[in-house]
C-alpha atoms as a PDB file:
ATOM      1  CA  UNK A   1     -11.037  13.913 -16.616  1.00  0.00           C
ATOM      2  CA  UNK A   2     -12.532  10.385 -17.792  1.00  0.00           C
ATOM      3  CA  UNK A   3     -13.672   8.372 -15.084  1.00  0.00           C
ATOM      4  CA  UNK A   4     -10.805   5.693 -15.815  1.00  0.00           C
ATOM      5  CA  UNK A   5      -8.304   8.437 -15.186  1.00  0.00           C
ATOM      6  CA  UNK A   6      -9.807   9.445 -11.931  1.00  0.00           C
ATOM      7  CA  UNK A   7      -9.995   5.973 -10.693  1.00  0.00           C
ATOM      8  CA  UNK A   8      -6.241   5.521 -11.583  1.00  0.00           C
ATOM      9  CA  UNK A   9      -5.263   8.690  -9.639  1.00  0.00           C
ATOM     10  CA  UNK A  10      -7.514   7.637  -6.727  1.00  0.00           C
ATOM     11  CA  UNK A  11      -5.830   4.076  -6.652  1.00  0.00           C
ATOM     12  CA  UNK A  12      -2.318   5.605  -6.545  1.00  0.00           C
ATOM     13  CA  UNK A  13      -3.173   8.049  -3.834  1.00  0.00           C
ATOM     14  CA  UNK A  14      -4.516   5.174  -1.701  1.00  0.00           C
ATOM     15  CA  UNK A  15      -1.374   3.151  -2.411  1.00  0.00           C
ATOM     16  CA  UNK A  16       0.669   6.122  -1.488  1.00  0.00           C
ATOM     17  CA  UNK A  17      -1.040   6.504   1.976  1.00  0.00           C
ATOM     18  CA  UNK A  18      -0.877   2.897   2.640  1.00  0.00           C
ATOM     19  CA  UNK A  19       2.895   2.829   1.886  1.00  0.00           C
ATOM     20  CA  UNK A  20       3.486   5.816   4.149  1.00  0.00           C
ATOM     21  CA  UNK A  21       1.388   4.102   7.161  1.00  0.00           C
ATOM     22  CA  UNK A  22       3.058   0.854   6.805  1.00  0.00           C
ATOM     23  CA  UNK A  23       6.367   2.389   6.770  1.00  0.00           C
ATOM     24  CA  UNK A  24       5.538   4.435   9.986  1.00  0.00           C
ATOM     25  CA  UNK A  25       4.135   1.443  11.728  1.00  0.00           C
ATOM     26  CA  UNK A  26       7.364  -0.473  10.915  1.00  0.00           C
ATOM     27  CA  UNK A  27       9.603   2.202  12.317  1.00  0.00           C
ATOM     28  CA  UNK A  28       7.437   2.559  15.480  1.00  0.00           C
ATOM     29  CA  UNK A  29       7.588  -1.196  16.084  1.00  0.00           C
ATOM     30  CA  UNK A  30      11.511  -1.340  15.786  1.00  0.00           C
ATOM     31  CA  UNK A  31      11.404  -3.223  12.370  1.00  0.00           C
ATOM     32  CA  UNK A  32      15.079  -3.335  10.989  1.00  0.00           C
ATOM     33  CA  UNK A  33      15.474  -0.204   8.628  1.00  0.00           C
ATOM     34  CA  UNK A  34      17.343  -2.400   5.869  1.00  0.00           C
ATOM     35  CA  UNK A  35      14.119  -4.720   5.529  1.00  0.00           C
ATOM     36  CA  UNK A  36      11.476  -2.077   5.578  1.00  0.00           C
ATOM     37  CA  UNK A  37      11.307  -1.543   1.920  1.00  0.00           C
ATOM     38  CA  UNK A  38      10.810  -5.339   1.254  1.00  0.00           C
ATOM     39  CA  UNK A  39       8.255  -5.533   4.058  1.00  0.00           C
ATOM     40  CA  UNK A  40       6.268  -2.610   2.725  1.00  0.00           C
ATOM     41  CA  UNK A  41       6.202  -4.089  -0.822  1.00  0.00           C
ATOM     42  CA  UNK A  42       5.041  -7.448   0.710  1.00  0.00           C
ATOM     43  CA  UNK A  43       2.202  -5.719   2.705  1.00  0.00           C
ATOM     44  CA  UNK A  44       1.004  -3.703  -0.185  1.00  0.00           C
ATOM     45  CA  UNK A  45       0.752  -6.936  -2.357  1.00  0.00           C
ATOM     46  CA  UNK A  46      -1.082  -8.572   0.237  1.00  0.00           C
ATOM     47  CA  UNK A  47      -3.443  -5.676   0.560  1.00  0.00           C
ATOM     48  CA  UNK A  48      -4.030  -5.722  -3.113  1.00  0.00           C
ATOM     49  CA  UNK A  49      -4.917  -9.536  -2.936  1.00  0.00           C
ATOM     50  CA  UNK A  50      -7.402  -9.141  -0.153  1.00  0.00           C
ATOM     51  CA  UNK A  51      -9.058  -6.251  -2.039  1.00  0.00           C
ATOM     52  CA  UNK A  52      -9.421  -8.245  -5.208  1.00  0.00           C
ATOM     53  CA  UNK A  53     -11.071 -11.126  -3.036  1.00  0.00           C
ATOM     54  CA  UNK A  54     -13.480  -8.475  -1.544  1.00  0.00           C
ATOM     55  CA  UNK A  55     -14.525  -7.142  -5.001  1.00  0.00           C
ATOM     56  CA  UNK A  56     -15.044 -10.498  -6.723  1.00  0.00           C
END
């Protein structure tokens, strides 16, 4: 498997783990279920921006 494909699979795996973790935390702390998907998306977008700043 070429290196770029490995990187892509790794990135998707990390994103999936983060999504599950965020959803668990939202549920644990009583975040409204109807707003969890939007909140999860926002948190993942913020994490991606933060990582881009760390890399550059």
